[in-house]
Structures are given as C-alpha cells and as structure tokens.
Amino acid sequence: SDKAFTGHDLVIRLANFADLTPKARANANLGWQGGKWTVDAFVHYTDKFKTFSATTSALISIKAYTTLAANVSYDLGNGMNVSLSGQNLGTSSQTQTGGLKVPSTVFLSLSKSW
C-alpha cells in the first residue's frame, strides 16, 4: 500500500486538478546554421497555476513565467565542437515549482565525436 512521505498528509492534498494545471503553455525555437557556426534560441511560456509547497504541503500559487535558453556552437573540425549555452537567461532566478527557485545558468563545453 502507498504511504505519504513523513510530514505529509494525503488528505490535505485534495484539490481541484484544473487549478494544478496551467491553462496555457507555449514553446518556440529559432535556429540558424552557417558555415561552422550554429545558433539556437528557445522560449518557453507557462501560465499561472497552483502546486503544493515542498516544505509545508500547503497549496501555493505559481505566477506565469517565460524562460529563454540559447546555444552558440562552433565546429572546430576533426569532430570537435565548442559551445556556449544558457538556460533561464531572462532572470537571475525564477519560481517554477513549489520547491527551490530555478537559477540562470551558463555553460561552456568542448565535445569530441569519433
């Protein structure tokens, strides 16, 4: 039989499913490739919704949010590629769930394919 995590009461979790689901979501992306360069941008929108707090089990509201991700890559030849990628670039951090805020991140990567 299923049991709730310690400190969580399943009876409290009775809620209208429609309130727990965003009314609208949208994704868009744009990409370009020219010579050894590749550039991609991604936008994701989520409408407001409610969720349960990760710490108190209380029902909380999450505001609508938009995220931006991007990638710029350069083909170095011989199967090597260098990329600069970023996620959640529009803000330093953002509330997307009932848990921790999602930070803005940037990555530099070097890859090799054989």
Protein backbone atom coordinates (compact mmCIF):
# COMPACT_ATOMS: atom_id res chain seq x y z
CA SER A 1 0.00 0.00 0.00
CA ASP A 2 1.14 3.55 -0.72
CA LYS A 3 2.07 5.81 2.16
CA ALA A 4 2.74 9.52 2.31
CA PHE A 5 6.20 10.89 2.99
CA THR A 6 6.88 11.74 6.61
CA GLY A 7 5.23 15.07 7.48
CA HIS A 8 2.81 14.98 4.53
CA ASP A 9 -0.90 14.27 4.88
CA LEU A 10 -2.60 12.89 1.75
CA VAL A 11 -6.00 14.19 2.90
CA ILE A 12 -4.67 17.77 2.70
CA ARG A 13 -3.70 17.16 -0.94
CA LEU A 14 -7.30 17.04 -2.15
CA ALA A 15 -7.52 19.86 -4.69
CA ASN A 16 -9.19 20.71 -7.97
CA PHE A 17 -6.97 19.25 -10.72
CA ALA A 18 -7.83 22.16 -13.03
CA ASP A 19 -6.17 24.56 -10.53
CA LEU A 20 -2.99 22.43 -10.54
CA THR A 21 -2.57 22.56 -14.32
CA PRO A 22 -1.50 25.67 -16.27
CA LYS A 23 -4.23 26.87 -18.66
CA ALA A 24 -1.66 27.58 -21.37
CA ARG A 25 1.84 26.51 -22.33
CA ALA A 26 3.81 27.53 -25.40
CA ASN A 27 7.21 26.72 -26.89
CA ALA A 28 9.04 28.43 -29.71
CA ASN A 29 12.50 27.99 -31.12
CA LEU A 30 14.60 29.58 -33.79
CA GLY A 31 17.82 28.22 -35.22
CA TRP A 32 20.43 29.22 -37.75
CA GLN A 33 23.43 27.41 -39.20
CA GLY A 34 26.07 28.98 -41.39
CA GLY A 35 29.46 27.51 -42.15
CA LYS A 36 30.96 26.30 -38.88
CA TRP A 37 28.51 28.26 -36.68
CA THR A 38 25.18 27.13 -35.20
CA VAL A 39 22.89 29.38 -33.15
CA ASP A 40 19.67 28.27 -31.42
CA ALA A 41 17.20 30.10 -29.15
CA PHE A 42 14.29 28.58 -27.24
CA VAL A 43 11.41 30.35 -25.46
CA HIS A 44 9.02 28.52 -23.12
CA TYR A 45 5.89 30.08 -21.55
CA THR A 46 3.84 28.58 -18.71
CA ASP A 47 0.61 30.20 -17.46
CA LYS A 48 -0.08 30.60 -13.73
CA PHE A 49 -1.03 27.51 -11.73
CA LYS A 50 -1.14 26.15 -8.19
CA THR A 51 1.07 23.49 -6.65
CA PHE A 52 1.99 22.11 -3.26
CA SER A 53 4.83 23.63 -1.28
CA ALA A 54 7.79 21.25 -0.97
CA THR A 55 8.24 22.20 2.68
CA THR A 56 4.74 22.72 4.14
CA SER A 57 2.34 20.79 1.83
CA ALA A 58 0.26 23.98 1.55
CA LEU A 59 -1.31 24.86 -1.79
CA ILE A 60 0.59 27.82 -3.27
CA SER A 61 0.26 29.91 -6.44
CA ILE A 62 2.98 30.00 -9.09
CA LYS A 63 2.93 33.10 -11.30
CA ALA A 64 3.09 32.76 -15.08
CA TYR A 65 6.67 32.67 -16.33
CA THR A 66 8.70 32.71 -19.52
CA THR A 67 12.14 31.16 -19.89
CA LEU A 68 14.80 31.79 -22.51
CA ALA A 69 17.55 29.35 -23.46
CA ALA A 70 20.21 29.78 -26.12
CA ASN A 71 23.17 27.97 -27.62
CA VAL A 72 26.03 29.16 -29.83
CA SER A 73 28.31 26.43 -31.24
CA TYR A 74 31.41 26.45 -33.41
CA ASP A 75 32.74 23.42 -35.28
CA LEU A 76 36.50 23.25 -34.66
CA GLY A 77 36.95 20.41 -37.17
CA ASN A 78 38.18 16.86 -36.55
CA GLY A 79 34.93 16.07 -34.69
CA MET A 80 35.49 18.81 -32.08
CA ASN A 81 32.88 21.39 -31.17
CA VAL A 82 32.86 24.26 -28.65
CA SER A 83 29.52 25.59 -27.33
CA LEU A 84 28.29 28.36 -25.08
CA SER A 85 24.82 27.57 -23.73
CA GLY A 86 22.50 29.30 -21.29
CA GLN A 87 19.24 28.43 -19.56
CA ASN A 88 16.72 30.73 -17.85
CA LEU A 89 18.59 33.71 -19.30
CA GLY A 90 15.90 36.35 -18.72
CA THR A 91 16.30 36.49 -14.93
CA SER A 92 18.75 35.53 -12.19
CA SER A 93 16.27 33.05 -10.67
CA GLN A 94 12.63 32.11 -11.10
CA THR A 95 9.88 30.25 -9.23
CA GLN A 96 8.68 27.40 -11.47
CA THR A 97 7.65 24.84 -8.83
CA GLY A 98 6.77 24.60 -5.15
CA GLY A 99 10.43 23.87 -4.38
CA LEU A 100 13.65 25.75 -5.00
CA LYS A 101 13.93 28.69 -7.39
CA VAL A 102 15.47 27.86 -10.76
CA PRO A 103 18.72 29.80 -11.32
CA SER A 104 20.05 31.27 -14.53
CA THR A 105 22.94 29.11 -15.79
CA VAL A 106 25.59 29.41 -18.48
CA PHE A 107 27.80 26.54 -19.68
CA LEU A 108 30.91 26.37 -21.82
CA SER A 109 31.51 22.93 -23.30
CA LEU A 110 34.01 21.24 -25.55
CA SER A 111 32.96 17.98 -27.19
CA LYS A 112 34.60 15.40 -29.43
CA SER A 113 32.88 12.82 -31.62
CA TRP A 114 34.56 9.80 -33.19
